[in-house]
């Protein structure tokens, strides 16, 4: 399920067959066993023949790519209540930022698929694709078990969004403490711009913004009010 890139600095990424795509996106409980039993070694040892357009489509160039970082639900004032007017306002601000970079030539969007702002961004990028057509969305997945501990409605939302994306990039085949950071670095390393929901709080979003600035990306800030 990798998108055909050399994934640096995430050395454990590989391409998988359609069967693996189905297992990961539709049957996460099976996926956990699949990877835990070490069956991925067979896939890691070779590149599978691509058999779908999703696997074979050419990846857009970095100069036309934008990635995203933002807070998880527990850092947002409204938590998981997306009917809160402040949440609706933030979602509109994110969409405005996505629409603005599209107008400036961005055609590919990479999302890290975490709870909270990441899922907002993914949904809004997919909405932009529906509006304009020539837009692609990539799910950058840190590990196969990313959503395992989430509430069931959020797991279903996650699987639905991953399935809707044009590309899926699995950063590494099993969880480790550094897999989220590797996912973030992968996104920055393959983008020219970063949209960040960021107001200075410490954590993964801050580190991603700092890495993007060191890497020379243009950062578009969206502030939580």
N, C-alpha and C. Protein backbone atom coordinates (compact mmCIF):
# COMPACT_ATOMS: atom_id res chain seq x y z
N UNK A 1 0.81 -1.21 0.00
CA UNK A 1 0.00 0.00 0.00
C UNK A 1 0.84 1.26 0.00
N UNK A 2 2.14 1.18 -0.15
CA UNK A 2 2.87 2.42 -0.28
C UNK A 2 2.59 3.02 -1.63
N UNK A 3 2.87 4.29 -1.75
CA UNK A 3 2.44 5.04 -2.92
C UNK A 3 3.51 5.15 -3.98
N UNK A 4 4.52 4.32 -3.95
CA UNK A 4 5.50 4.32 -5.00
C UNK A 4 6.64 5.28 -4.78
N UNK A 5 6.81 5.80 -3.56
CA UNK A 5 7.92 6.69 -3.27
C UNK A 5 9.01 5.92 -2.52
N UNK A 6 10.20 6.48 -2.52
CA UNK A 6 11.21 6.02 -1.57
C UNK A 6 10.94 6.74 -0.27
N UNK A 7 10.60 6.02 0.77
CA UNK A 7 10.14 6.66 2.00
C UNK A 7 11.31 6.90 2.94
N UNK A 8 11.92 8.04 2.82
CA UNK A 8 13.01 8.43 3.69
C UNK A 8 12.51 9.56 4.59
N UNK A 9 12.70 9.51 5.90
CA UNK A 9 13.58 8.61 6.65
C UNK A 9 12.83 7.45 7.30
N UNK A 10 11.82 6.90 6.68
CA UNK A 10 11.05 5.79 7.26
C UNK A 10 11.42 4.51 6.53
N UNK A 11 12.48 3.81 6.98
CA UNK A 11 13.05 2.73 6.18
C UNK A 11 12.23 1.45 6.15
N UNK A 12 11.17 1.34 6.95
CA UNK A 12 10.44 0.08 7.03
C UNK A 12 9.25 0.03 6.08
N UNK A 13 9.07 1.04 5.23
CA UNK A 13 7.92 1.09 4.34
C UNK A 13 8.12 0.15 3.16
N UNK A 14 7.01 -0.43 2.69
CA UNK A 14 7.07 -1.32 1.54
C UNK A 14 5.76 -1.28 0.81
N UNK A 15 5.70 -1.90 -0.39
CA UNK A 15 4.45 -2.00 -1.12
C UNK A 15 3.76 -3.31 -0.77
N UNK A 16 2.44 -3.28 -0.76
CA UNK A 16 1.67 -4.46 -0.43
C UNK A 16 0.66 -4.74 -1.53
N UNK A 17 0.10 -5.94 -1.51
CA UNK A 17 -0.91 -6.32 -2.50
C UNK A 17 -2.27 -5.78 -2.12
N UNK A 18 -3.24 -5.94 -3.03
CA UNK A 18 -4.61 -5.50 -2.75
C UNK A 18 -5.19 -6.23 -1.54
N UNK A 19 -4.82 -7.50 -1.35
CA UNK A 19 -5.32 -8.24 -0.20
C UNK A 19 -4.93 -7.54 1.09
N UNK A 20 -3.67 -7.07 1.17
CA UNK A 20 -3.24 -6.38 2.37
C UNK A 20 -3.96 -5.07 2.54
N UNK A 21 -4.18 -4.33 1.45
CA UNK A 21 -4.96 -3.09 1.53
C UNK A 21 -6.33 -3.38 2.13
N UNK A 22 -6.97 -4.45 1.67
CA UNK A 22 -8.30 -4.79 2.17
C UNK A 22 -8.25 -5.15 3.65
N UNK A 23 -7.26 -5.94 4.04
CA UNK A 23 -7.16 -6.35 5.44
C UNK A 23 -7.00 -5.14 6.34
N UNK A 24 -6.12 -4.21 5.94
CA UNK A 24 -5.83 -3.08 6.80
C UNK A 24 -7.01 -2.13 6.88
N UNK A 25 -7.64 -1.84 5.74
CA UNK A 25 -8.68 -0.82 5.73
C UNK A 25 -10.05 -1.33 6.14
N UNK A 26 -10.32 -2.63 5.95
CA UNK A 26 -11.64 -3.15 6.24
C UNK A 26 -11.69 -4.04 7.47
N UNK A 27 -10.58 -4.65 7.83
CA UNK A 27 -10.59 -5.63 8.93
C UNK A 27 -9.42 -5.36 9.86
N UNK A 28 -9.42 -4.26 10.60
CA UNK A 28 -8.27 -3.94 11.43
C UNK A 28 -7.96 -4.98 12.48
N UNK A 29 -9.00 -5.68 12.95
CA UNK A 29 -8.72 -6.70 13.96
C UNK A 29 -7.95 -7.86 13.35
N UNK A 30 -8.20 -8.16 12.08
CA UNK A 30 -7.40 -9.17 11.38
C UNK A 30 -6.01 -8.64 11.11
N UNK A 31 -5.93 -7.34 10.75
CA UNK A 31 -4.64 -6.74 10.43
C UNK A 31 -3.69 -6.85 11.61
N UNK A 32 -4.20 -6.64 12.83
CA UNK A 32 -3.33 -6.73 14.00
C UNK A 32 -2.70 -8.11 14.08
N UNK A 33 -3.48 -9.16 13.89
CA UNK A 33 -2.95 -10.52 13.91
C UNK A 33 -2.02 -10.76 12.74
N UNK A 34 -2.40 -10.25 11.57
CA UNK A 34 -1.62 -10.43 10.36
C UNK A 34 -0.19 -9.95 10.56
N UNK A 35 -0.02 -8.75 11.12
CA UNK A 35 1.31 -8.22 11.32
C UNK A 35 1.98 -8.85 12.53
N UNK A 36 1.20 -9.15 13.57
CA UNK A 36 1.79 -9.71 14.77
C UNK A 36 2.41 -11.07 14.49
N UNK A 37 1.81 -11.83 13.58
CA UNK A 37 2.34 -13.16 13.28
C UNK A 37 3.51 -13.14 12.31
N UNK A 38 3.91 -11.94 11.89
CA UNK A 38 5.11 -11.85 11.08
C UNK A 38 4.91 -12.16 9.62
N UNK A 39 3.66 -12.20 9.15
CA UNK A 39 3.44 -12.55 7.75
C UNK A 39 3.90 -11.46 6.81
N UNK A 40 4.12 -10.25 7.34
CA UNK A 40 4.57 -9.17 6.47
C UNK A 40 5.98 -9.40 5.95
N UNK A 41 6.76 -10.27 6.58
CA UNK A 41 8.11 -10.52 6.09
C UNK A 41 8.11 -10.94 4.64
N UNK A 42 7.10 -11.74 4.26
CA UNK A 42 7.03 -12.19 2.87
C UNK A 42 6.79 -11.01 1.93
N UNK A 43 6.00 -10.06 2.41
CA UNK A 43 5.72 -8.89 1.58
C UNK A 43 6.92 -7.94 1.56
N UNK A 44 7.60 -7.82 2.70
CA UNK A 44 8.74 -6.93 2.77
C UNK A 44 9.89 -7.41 1.90
N UNK A 45 9.92 -8.70 1.58
CA UNK A 45 11.03 -9.26 0.83
C UNK A 45 10.92 -9.04 -0.67
N UNK A 46 9.77 -8.55 -1.13
CA UNK A 46 9.62 -8.37 -2.56
C UNK A 46 8.54 -7.33 -2.85
N UNK A 47 8.52 -6.81 -4.02
CA UNK A 47 7.49 -5.87 -4.46
C UNK A 47 6.41 -6.63 -5.17
N UNK A 48 5.16 -6.44 -4.73
CA UNK A 48 4.06 -7.15 -5.35
C UNK A 48 3.68 -6.49 -6.65
N UNK A 49 3.15 -7.28 -7.58
CA UNK A 49 2.66 -6.72 -8.84
C UNK A 49 1.45 -5.87 -8.57
N UNK A 50 1.48 -4.63 -9.06
CA UNK A 50 0.34 -3.73 -8.87
C UNK A 50 -0.82 -4.20 -9.72
N UNK A 51 -2.01 -4.16 -9.15
CA UNK A 51 -3.17 -4.65 -9.88
C UNK A 51 -4.34 -3.69 -9.84
N UNK A 52 -4.16 -2.50 -9.24
CA UNK A 52 -5.23 -1.53 -9.23
C UNK A 52 -4.68 -0.17 -9.60
N UNK A 53 -5.55 0.71 -10.06
CA UNK A 53 -5.14 2.07 -10.39
C UNK A 53 -4.59 2.78 -9.17
N UNK A 54 -5.14 2.47 -7.99
CA UNK A 54 -4.69 3.10 -6.76
C UNK A 54 -3.23 2.80 -6.49
N UNK A 55 -2.78 1.59 -6.86
CA UNK A 55 -1.41 1.21 -6.61
C UNK A 55 -0.46 1.72 -7.68
N UNK A 56 -0.94 1.88 -8.91
CA UNK A 56 -0.05 2.16 -10.02
C UNK A 56 0.00 3.63 -10.41
N UNK A 57 -0.92 4.45 -9.93
CA UNK A 57 -0.97 5.84 -10.33
C UNK A 57 0.31 6.57 -9.95
N UNK A 58 0.76 7.46 -10.83
CA UNK A 58 1.98 8.21 -10.57
C UNK A 58 1.76 9.20 -9.43
N UNK A 59 2.75 9.30 -8.54
CA UNK A 59 2.66 10.21 -7.42
C UNK A 59 2.95 11.64 -7.87
N UNK A 60 2.14 12.61 -7.48
CA UNK A 60 2.41 14.00 -7.84
C UNK A 60 3.76 14.47 -7.31
N UNK A 61 4.31 15.50 -7.98
CA UNK A 61 5.61 16.03 -7.58
C UNK A 61 5.52 16.78 -6.25
N UNK A 62 6.66 16.83 -5.57
CA UNK A 62 6.70 17.50 -4.26
C UNK A 62 6.26 18.95 -4.36
N UNK A 63 6.63 19.64 -5.42
CA UNK A 63 6.31 21.06 -5.53
C UNK A 63 4.81 21.33 -5.59
N UNK A 64 4.04 20.29 -5.91
CA UNK A 64 2.59 20.43 -5.99
C UNK A 64 1.89 19.77 -4.80
N UNK A 65 2.65 19.51 -3.73
CA UNK A 65 2.13 18.74 -2.60
C UNK A 65 2.11 19.57 -1.32
N UNK A 66 1.04 19.40 -0.56
CA UNK A 66 0.88 20.05 0.74
C UNK A 66 0.53 19.00 1.77
N UNK A 67 1.17 19.06 2.94
CA UNK A 67 0.82 18.15 4.04
C UNK A 67 0.18 18.95 5.17
N UNK A 68 -0.22 18.24 6.21
CA UNK A 68 -1.00 18.86 7.28
C UNK A 68 -0.55 18.34 8.63
N UNK A 69 -0.62 19.22 9.62
CA UNK A 69 -0.44 18.81 11.01
C UNK A 69 -1.41 19.61 11.87
N UNK A 70 -1.86 19.00 12.95
CA UNK A 70 -2.81 19.69 13.82
C UNK A 70 -3.08 18.88 15.07
N UNK A 71 -3.85 19.45 15.97
CA UNK A 71 -4.06 18.87 17.29
C UNK A 71 -5.06 17.72 17.27
N UNK A 72 -4.82 16.79 18.17
CA UNK A 72 -5.81 15.74 18.42
C UNK A 72 -6.95 16.30 19.28
N UNK A 73 -8.00 15.51 19.40
CA UNK A 73 -9.21 15.98 20.08
C UNK A 73 -8.94 16.48 21.49
N UNK A 74 -8.09 15.79 22.23
CA UNK A 74 -7.92 16.14 23.64
C UNK A 74 -7.25 17.51 23.82
N UNK A 75 -6.65 18.05 22.77
CA UNK A 75 -6.05 19.38 22.85
C UNK A 75 -6.97 20.48 22.34
N UNK A 76 -8.12 20.09 21.83
CA UNK A 76 -9.08 21.07 21.32
C UNK A 76 -10.07 21.45 22.41
N UNK A 77 -10.46 22.72 22.52
CA UNK A 77 -11.36 23.14 23.60
C UNK A 77 -12.69 22.41 23.61
N UNK A 78 -13.17 21.95 22.46
CA UNK A 78 -14.47 21.29 22.35
C UNK A 78 -14.35 19.76 22.37
N UNK A 79 -13.14 19.24 22.50
CA UNK A 79 -12.96 17.80 22.53
C UNK A 79 -13.48 17.14 21.26
N UNK A 80 -14.41 16.20 21.43
CA UNK A 80 -14.94 15.45 20.29
C UNK A 80 -16.27 16.02 19.77
N UNK A 81 -16.73 17.14 20.34
CA UNK A 81 -18.01 17.71 19.94
C UNK A 81 -17.84 18.56 18.68
N UNK A 82 -18.02 17.94 17.52
CA UNK A 82 -17.81 18.66 16.26
C UNK A 82 -18.99 19.55 15.89
N UNK A 83 -20.06 19.53 16.70
CA UNK A 83 -21.16 20.46 16.48
C UNK A 83 -20.93 21.80 17.17
N UNK A 84 -19.88 21.87 17.97
CA UNK A 84 -19.53 23.12 18.64
C UNK A 84 -19.22 24.18 17.57
N UNK A 85 -19.77 25.38 17.70
CA UNK A 85 -19.52 26.42 16.69
C UNK A 85 -18.04 26.72 16.47
N UNK A 86 -17.24 26.58 17.52
CA UNK A 86 -15.81 26.82 17.36
C UNK A 86 -15.17 25.77 16.47
N UNK A 87 -15.65 24.53 16.56
CA UNK A 87 -15.15 23.47 15.70
C UNK A 87 -15.55 23.73 14.26
N UNK A 88 -16.80 24.10 14.05
CA UNK A 88 -17.26 24.40 12.69
C UNK A 88 -16.44 25.54 12.08
N UNK A 89 -16.13 26.54 12.90
CA UNK A 89 -15.33 27.66 12.41
C UNK A 89 -13.93 27.20 12.02
N UNK A 90 -13.34 26.34 12.85
CA UNK A 90 -12.00 25.82 12.53
C UNK A 90 -12.03 25.01 11.24
N UNK A 91 -13.02 24.17 11.08
CA UNK A 91 -13.12 23.37 9.86
C UNK A 91 -13.23 24.27 8.63
N UNK A 92 -13.98 25.36 8.74
CA UNK A 92 -14.07 26.30 7.62
C UNK A 92 -12.72 26.95 7.35
N UNK A 93 -11.99 27.28 8.41
CA UNK A 93 -10.68 27.88 8.24
C UNK A 93 -9.71 26.91 7.56
N UNK A 94 -9.78 25.64 7.94
CA UNK A 94 -8.93 24.64 7.29
C UNK A 94 -9.29 24.52 5.82
N UNK A 95 -10.60 24.47 5.53
CA UNK A 95 -10.99 24.37 4.12
C UNK A 95 -10.53 25.59 3.34
N UNK A 96 -10.64 26.77 3.92
CA UNK A 96 -10.19 27.98 3.24
C UNK A 96 -8.69 27.90 2.94
N UNK A 97 -7.91 27.36 3.88
CA UNK A 97 -6.47 27.20 3.65
C UNK A 97 -6.20 26.19 2.54
N UNK A 98 -6.95 25.07 2.55
CA UNK A 98 -6.80 24.06 1.50
C UNK A 98 -7.15 24.65 0.14
N UNK A 99 -8.24 25.38 0.09
CA UNK A 99 -8.68 25.99 -1.17
C UNK A 99 -7.67 27.02 -1.66
N UNK A 100 -7.07 27.76 -0.74
CA UNK A 100 -6.09 28.78 -1.13
C UNK A 100 -4.82 28.16 -1.72
N UNK A 101 -4.32 27.07 -1.11
CA UNK A 101 -3.11 26.46 -1.67
C UNK A 101 -3.42 25.76 -2.99
N UNK A 102 -4.66 25.26 -3.13
CA UNK A 102 -5.06 24.70 -4.42
C UNK A 102 -5.01 25.78 -5.50
N UNK A 103 -5.51 26.97 -5.19
CA UNK A 103 -5.50 28.07 -6.14
C UNK A 103 -4.07 28.47 -6.50
N UNK A 104 -3.12 28.15 -5.62
CA UNK A 104 -1.72 28.49 -5.85
C UNK A 104 -0.93 27.34 -6.47
N UNK A 105 -1.64 26.29 -6.90
CA UNK A 105 -0.97 25.22 -7.64
C UNK A 105 -0.82 23.89 -6.94
N UNK A 106 -1.23 23.78 -5.69
CA UNK A 106 -1.14 22.50 -4.97
C UNK A 106 -2.23 21.56 -5.49
N UNK A 107 -1.82 20.31 -5.77
CA UNK A 107 -2.78 19.34 -6.30
C UNK A 107 -2.79 18.03 -5.51
N UNK A 108 -1.88 17.88 -4.56
CA UNK A 108 -1.79 16.64 -3.79
C UNK A 108 -1.70 16.99 -2.31
N UNK A 109 -2.49 16.30 -1.49
CA UNK A 109 -2.57 16.58 -0.05
C UNK A 109 -2.26 15.31 0.73
N UNK A 110 -1.37 15.42 1.71
CA UNK A 110 -0.98 14.28 2.55
C UNK A 110 -1.51 14.50 3.96
N UNK A 111 -2.17 13.49 4.50
CA UNK A 111 -2.77 13.57 5.82
C UNK A 111 -2.27 12.42 6.69
N UNK A 112 -1.97 12.73 7.96
CA UNK A 112 -1.45 11.72 8.88
C UNK A 112 -2.49 10.87 9.56
N UNK A 113 -3.78 11.16 9.38
CA UNK A 113 -4.90 10.30 9.78
C UNK A 113 -5.06 10.11 11.28
N UNK A 114 -4.59 11.06 12.09
CA UNK A 114 -4.82 10.99 13.54
C UNK A 114 -6.22 11.52 13.85
N UNK A 115 -6.70 11.24 15.07
CA UNK A 115 -7.99 11.79 15.49
C UNK A 115 -7.90 13.31 15.60
N UNK A 116 -9.03 13.95 15.46
CA UNK A 116 -9.06 15.39 15.60
C UNK A 116 -8.83 16.10 14.28
N UNK A 117 -7.93 17.07 14.27
CA UNK A 117 -7.74 17.93 13.10
C UNK A 117 -7.33 17.17 11.84
N UNK A 118 -6.57 16.10 11.98
CA UNK A 118 -6.18 15.33 10.79
C UNK A 118 -7.40 14.83 10.03
N UNK A 119 -8.37 14.30 10.74
CA UNK A 119 -9.56 13.77 10.06
C UNK A 119 -10.39 14.90 9.46
N UNK A 120 -10.44 16.06 10.14
CA UNK A 120 -11.09 17.22 9.52
C UNK A 120 -10.44 17.50 8.17
N UNK A 121 -9.11 17.58 8.21
CA UNK A 121 -8.35 17.93 7.00
C UNK A 121 -8.60 16.92 5.88
N UNK A 122 -8.57 15.64 6.22
CA UNK A 122 -8.77 14.61 5.21
C UNK A 122 -10.14 14.77 4.56
N UNK A 123 -11.16 14.96 5.36
CA UNK A 123 -12.51 15.13 4.82
C UNK A 123 -12.61 16.36 3.93
N UNK A 124 -11.94 17.44 4.33
CA UNK A 124 -12.01 18.67 3.55
C UNK A 124 -11.20 18.57 2.26
N UNK A 125 -10.07 17.87 2.31
CA UNK A 125 -9.30 17.66 1.08
C UNK A 125 -10.08 16.79 0.10
N UNK A 126 -10.78 15.80 0.61
CA UNK A 126 -11.63 14.97 -0.26
C UNK A 126 -12.78 15.79 -0.83
N UNK A 127 -13.31 16.73 -0.05
CA UNK A 127 -14.36 17.61 -0.56
C UNK A 127 -13.82 18.50 -1.67
N UNK A 128 -12.57 18.96 -1.51
CA UNK A 128 -11.95 19.76 -2.57
C UNK A 128 -11.78 18.92 -3.83
N UNK A 129 -11.39 17.67 -3.66
CA UNK A 129 -11.26 16.77 -4.82
C UNK A 129 -12.59 16.61 -5.55
N UNK A 130 -13.66 16.49 -4.78
CA UNK A 130 -14.98 16.36 -5.40
C UNK A 130 -15.35 17.62 -6.17
N UNK A 131 -14.93 18.76 -5.66
CA UNK A 131 -15.27 20.03 -6.31
C UNK A 131 -14.45 20.24 -7.58
N UNK A 132 -13.16 19.94 -7.53
CA UNK A 132 -12.27 20.30 -8.63
C UNK A 132 -11.84 19.13 -9.50
N UNK A 133 -11.92 17.91 -8.98
CA UNK A 133 -11.55 16.76 -9.78
C UNK A 133 -10.08 16.44 -9.76
N UNK A 134 -9.23 17.31 -10.29
CA UNK A 134 -7.81 17.00 -10.41
C UNK A 134 -7.08 17.30 -9.10
N UNK A 135 -7.42 16.53 -8.09
CA UNK A 135 -6.80 16.62 -6.77
C UNK A 135 -6.64 15.20 -6.26
N UNK A 136 -5.53 14.90 -5.59
CA UNK A 136 -5.34 13.58 -4.98
C UNK A 136 -5.05 13.74 -3.50
N UNK A 137 -5.45 12.74 -2.74
CA UNK A 137 -5.30 12.75 -1.29
C UNK A 137 -4.58 11.47 -0.87
N UNK A 138 -3.62 11.62 0.00
CA UNK A 138 -2.79 10.49 0.46
C UNK A 138 -2.94 10.32 1.97
N UNK A 139 -3.23 9.10 2.39
CA UNK A 139 -3.26 8.76 3.82
C UNK A 139 -1.88 8.25 4.21
N UNK A 140 -1.18 8.99 5.05
CA UNK A 140 0.13 8.57 5.56
C UNK A 140 -0.10 7.90 6.91
N UNK A 141 0.00 6.59 6.94
CA UNK A 141 -0.39 5.79 8.10
C UNK A 141 0.87 5.36 8.86
N UNK A 142 1.00 5.74 10.13
CA UNK A 142 2.23 5.44 10.86
C UNK A 142 2.45 3.95 11.11
N UNK A 143 1.36 3.21 11.32
CA UNK A 143 1.44 1.77 11.56
C UNK A 143 0.05 1.19 11.35
N UNK A 144 -0.05 -0.12 11.11
CA UNK A 144 -1.36 -0.71 10.81
C UNK A 144 -2.38 -0.61 11.94
N UNK A 145 -1.91 -0.47 13.18
CA UNK A 145 -2.82 -0.47 14.34
C UNK A 145 -3.17 0.95 14.79
N UNK A 146 -2.97 1.94 13.95
CA UNK A 146 -3.17 3.33 14.33
C UNK A 146 -4.50 3.59 15.02
N UNK A 147 -5.58 3.04 14.48
CA UNK A 147 -6.92 3.34 15.00
C UNK A 147 -7.48 2.27 15.93
N UNK A 148 -6.68 1.30 16.31
CA UNK A 148 -7.21 0.16 17.07
C UNK A 148 -7.87 0.56 18.39
N UNK A 149 -7.34 1.55 19.08
CA UNK A 149 -7.88 1.91 20.39
C UNK A 149 -8.94 3.00 20.34
N UNK A 150 -9.34 3.41 19.16
CA UNK A 150 -10.31 4.49 19.04
C UNK A 150 -11.72 3.99 19.29
N UNK A 151 -12.66 4.88 19.64
CA UNK A 151 -14.07 4.48 19.70
C UNK A 151 -14.53 3.95 18.34
N UNK A 152 -15.45 3.02 18.35
CA UNK A 152 -15.86 2.37 17.10
C UNK A 152 -16.31 3.35 16.02
N UNK A 153 -17.11 4.39 16.34
CA UNK A 153 -17.51 5.32 15.27
C UNK A 153 -16.31 6.01 14.62
N UNK A 154 -15.28 6.30 15.43
CA UNK A 154 -14.08 6.93 14.87
C UNK A 154 -13.27 5.94 14.04
N UNK A 155 -13.26 4.68 14.45
CA UNK A 155 -12.59 3.65 13.64
C UNK A 155 -13.27 3.53 12.28
N UNK A 156 -14.60 3.54 12.28
CA UNK A 156 -15.33 3.43 11.02
C UNK A 156 -15.08 4.65 10.14
N UNK A 157 -15.04 5.81 10.76
CA UNK A 157 -14.73 7.03 10.02
C UNK A 157 -13.34 6.95 9.40
N UNK A 158 -12.38 6.51 10.20
CA UNK A 158 -11.00 6.36 9.74
C UNK A 158 -10.92 5.42 8.55
N UNK A 159 -11.54 4.24 8.65
CA UNK A 159 -11.47 3.27 7.56
C UNK A 159 -12.14 3.82 6.30
N UNK A 160 -13.25 4.51 6.48
CA UNK A 160 -13.94 5.10 5.33
C UNK A 160 -13.07 6.13 4.62
N UNK A 161 -12.37 6.95 5.40
CA UNK A 161 -11.53 7.99 4.80
C UNK A 161 -10.30 7.39 4.13
N UNK A 162 -9.68 6.42 4.78
CA UNK A 162 -8.52 5.77 4.16
C UNK A 162 -8.92 5.14 2.82
N UNK A 163 -10.07 4.48 2.82
CA UNK A 163 -10.53 3.85 1.57
C UNK A 163 -10.80 4.87 0.48
N UNK A 164 -11.20 6.08 0.87
CA UNK A 164 -11.52 7.12 -0.12
C UNK A 164 -10.28 7.81 -0.67
N UNK A 165 -9.15 7.69 0.02
CA UNK A 165 -7.93 8.35 -0.44
C UNK A 165 -7.40 7.72 -1.72
N UNK A 166 -6.67 8.51 -2.49
CA UNK A 166 -6.08 8.02 -3.73
C UNK A 166 -4.84 7.18 -3.48
N UNK A 167 -4.13 7.47 -2.40
CA UNK A 167 -2.91 6.74 -2.06
C UNK A 167 -2.92 6.40 -0.58
N UNK A 168 -2.28 5.28 -0.24
CA UNK A 168 -2.06 4.90 1.15
C UNK A 168 -0.58 4.61 1.33
N UNK A 169 0.04 5.27 2.29
CA UNK A 169 1.45 5.03 2.58
C UNK A 169 1.57 4.51 4.00
N UNK A 170 2.06 3.30 4.15
CA UNK A 170 2.29 2.70 5.47
C UNK A 170 3.74 2.95 5.84
N UNK A 171 3.96 3.75 6.87
CA UNK A 171 5.31 4.18 7.21
C UNK A 171 6.14 3.04 7.79
N UNK A 172 5.54 2.22 8.63
CA UNK A 172 6.24 1.02 9.10
C UNK A 172 5.23 -0.05 9.44
N UNK A 173 5.69 -1.30 9.46
CA UNK A 173 4.77 -2.44 9.51
C UNK A 173 4.27 -2.78 10.90
N UNK A 174 4.80 -2.14 11.94
CA UNK A 174 4.31 -2.37 13.29
C UNK A 174 4.55 -1.12 14.13
N UNK A 175 3.83 -1.02 15.23
CA UNK A 175 3.96 0.16 16.09
C UNK A 175 5.31 0.19 16.78
N UNK A 176 5.86 1.39 16.91
CA UNK A 176 7.00 1.66 17.79
C UNK A 176 6.84 3.08 18.30
N UNK A 177 7.52 3.44 19.39
CA UNK A 177 7.34 4.79 19.94
C UNK A 177 7.65 5.91 18.95
N UNK A 178 8.48 5.63 17.96
CA UNK A 178 8.86 6.69 17.03
C UNK A 178 8.07 6.72 15.74
N UNK A 179 7.06 5.86 15.59
CA UNK A 179 6.40 5.76 14.28
C UNK A 179 5.61 7.01 13.92
N UNK A 180 5.04 7.69 14.91
CA UNK A 180 4.29 8.92 14.61
C UNK A 180 5.22 10.01 14.09
N UNK A 181 6.39 10.13 14.72
CA UNK A 181 7.35 11.12 14.27
C UNK A 181 7.87 10.78 12.87
N UNK A 182 8.10 9.50 12.61
CA UNK A 182 8.53 9.10 11.27
C UNK A 182 7.47 9.44 10.24
N UNK A 183 6.20 9.23 10.59
CA UNK A 183 5.11 9.62 9.70
C UNK A 183 5.14 11.11 9.41
N UNK A 184 5.36 11.92 10.45
CA UNK A 184 5.39 13.36 10.28
C UNK A 184 6.56 13.80 9.39
N UNK A 185 7.71 13.18 9.59
CA UNK A 185 8.87 13.52 8.77
C UNK A 185 8.66 13.08 7.32
N UNK A 186 8.03 11.94 7.14
CA UNK A 186 7.72 11.51 5.77
C UNK A 186 6.87 12.55 5.06
N UNK A 187 5.84 13.05 5.73
CA UNK A 187 4.96 14.02 5.10
C UNK A 187 5.72 15.29 4.72
N UNK A 188 6.51 15.81 5.65
CA UNK A 188 7.27 17.02 5.38
C UNK A 188 8.28 16.80 4.26
N UNK A 189 8.93 15.64 4.26
CA UNK A 189 9.95 15.36 3.25
C UNK A 189 9.38 15.23 1.84
N UNK A 190 8.07 15.07 1.72
CA UNK A 190 7.45 14.90 0.42
C UNK A 190 6.48 16.02 0.06
N UNK A 191 6.63 17.16 0.74
CA UNK A 191 5.72 18.29 0.50
C UNK A 191 6.50 19.59 0.35
N UNK A 192 5.84 20.55 -0.28
CA UNK A 192 6.40 21.88 -0.42
C UNK A 192 5.77 22.86 0.58
N UNK A 193 4.58 22.51 1.07
CA UNK A 193 3.88 23.37 2.02
C UNK A 193 3.29 22.53 3.14
N UNK A 194 3.07 23.21 4.25
CA UNK A 194 2.44 22.58 5.41
C UNK A 194 1.32 23.49 5.91
N UNK A 195 0.13 22.94 6.04
CA UNK A 195 -0.96 23.64 6.74
C UNK A 195 -0.95 23.13 8.18
N UNK A 196 -0.89 24.05 9.13
CA UNK A 196 -0.74 23.66 10.54
C UNK A 196 -1.79 24.34 11.40
N UNK A 197 -2.59 23.54 12.11
CA UNK A 197 -3.44 24.07 13.17
C UNK A 197 -2.55 24.12 14.41
N UNK A 198 -2.06 25.31 14.72
CA UNK A 198 -1.00 25.44 15.71
C UNK A 198 -1.07 26.79 16.39
N UNK A 199 -1.04 26.77 17.73
CA UNK A 199 -1.05 28.01 18.50
C UNK A 199 0.07 28.05 19.54
N UNK A 200 1.10 27.23 19.32
CA UNK A 200 2.27 27.27 20.18
C UNK A 200 2.37 26.15 21.19
N UNK A 201 1.34 25.30 21.33
CA UNK A 201 1.39 24.22 22.31
C UNK A 201 2.52 23.25 21.98
N UNK A 202 3.12 22.70 23.02
CA UNK A 202 4.19 21.72 22.83
C UNK A 202 3.60 20.39 22.38
N UNK A 203 4.40 19.58 21.69
CA UNK A 203 3.95 18.26 21.26
C UNK A 203 4.32 17.98 19.82
N UNK A 204 3.68 16.96 19.26
CA UNK A 204 4.02 16.52 17.92
C UNK A 204 3.76 17.55 16.84
N UNK A 205 2.69 18.34 17.00
CA UNK A 205 2.41 19.38 16.01
C UNK A 205 3.52 20.42 15.99
N UNK A 206 3.95 20.84 17.16
CA UNK A 206 5.04 21.81 17.24
C UNK A 206 6.31 21.27 16.60
N UNK A 207 6.65 20.01 16.89
CA UNK A 207 7.86 19.43 16.33
C UNK A 207 7.76 19.32 14.80
N UNK A 208 6.57 19.02 14.30
CA UNK A 208 6.39 18.94 12.85
C UNK A 208 6.56 20.31 12.21
N UNK A 209 5.99 21.34 12.82
CA UNK A 209 6.16 22.70 12.31
C UNK A 209 7.64 23.09 12.31
N UNK A 210 8.32 22.81 13.38
CA UNK A 210 9.74 23.16 13.46
C UNK A 210 10.56 22.42 12.41
N UNK A 211 10.26 21.16 12.20
CA UNK A 211 10.98 20.39 11.18
C UNK A 211 10.68 20.95 9.79
N UNK A 212 9.42 21.32 9.55
CA UNK A 212 9.05 21.89 8.25
C UNK A 212 9.79 23.20 8.00
N UNK A 213 9.89 24.04 9.01
CA UNK A 213 10.60 25.30 8.85
C UNK A 213 12.08 25.07 8.58
N UNK A 214 12.68 24.11 9.29
CA UNK A 214 14.09 23.80 9.02
C UNK A 214 14.28 23.24 7.62
N UNK A 215 13.25 22.57 7.10
CA UNK A 215 13.33 21.97 5.77
C UNK A 215 12.97 22.94 4.66
N UNK A 216 12.61 24.15 5.01
CA UNK A 216 12.34 25.16 4.02
C UNK A 216 10.93 25.19 3.47
N UNK A 217 9.99 24.52 4.12
CA UNK A 217 8.60 24.53 3.65
C UNK A 217 7.93 25.86 4.01
N UNK A 218 7.00 26.24 3.18
CA UNK A 218 6.12 27.36 3.52
C UNK A 218 5.05 26.82 4.45
N UNK A 219 4.85 27.48 5.59
CA UNK A 219 3.88 27.01 6.57
C UNK A 219 2.69 27.97 6.60
N UNK A 220 1.49 27.41 6.45
CA UNK A 220 0.24 28.16 6.53
C UNK A 220 -0.38 27.86 7.89
N UNK A 221 -0.50 28.86 8.75
CA UNK A 221 -1.00 28.64 10.10
C UNK A 221 -2.50 28.87 10.19
N UNK A 222 -3.16 27.96 10.90
CA UNK A 222 -4.57 28.11 11.25
C UNK A 222 -4.63 28.06 12.78
N UNK A 223 -5.16 29.12 13.39
CA UNK A 223 -5.12 29.24 14.85
C UNK A 223 -6.47 28.82 15.44
N UNK A 224 -6.42 28.00 16.49
CA UNK A 224 -7.63 27.61 17.21
C UNK A 224 -8.09 28.79 18.05
N UNK A 225 -9.35 29.16 17.93
CA UNK A 225 -9.88 30.30 18.69
C UNK A 225 -10.82 29.82 19.79
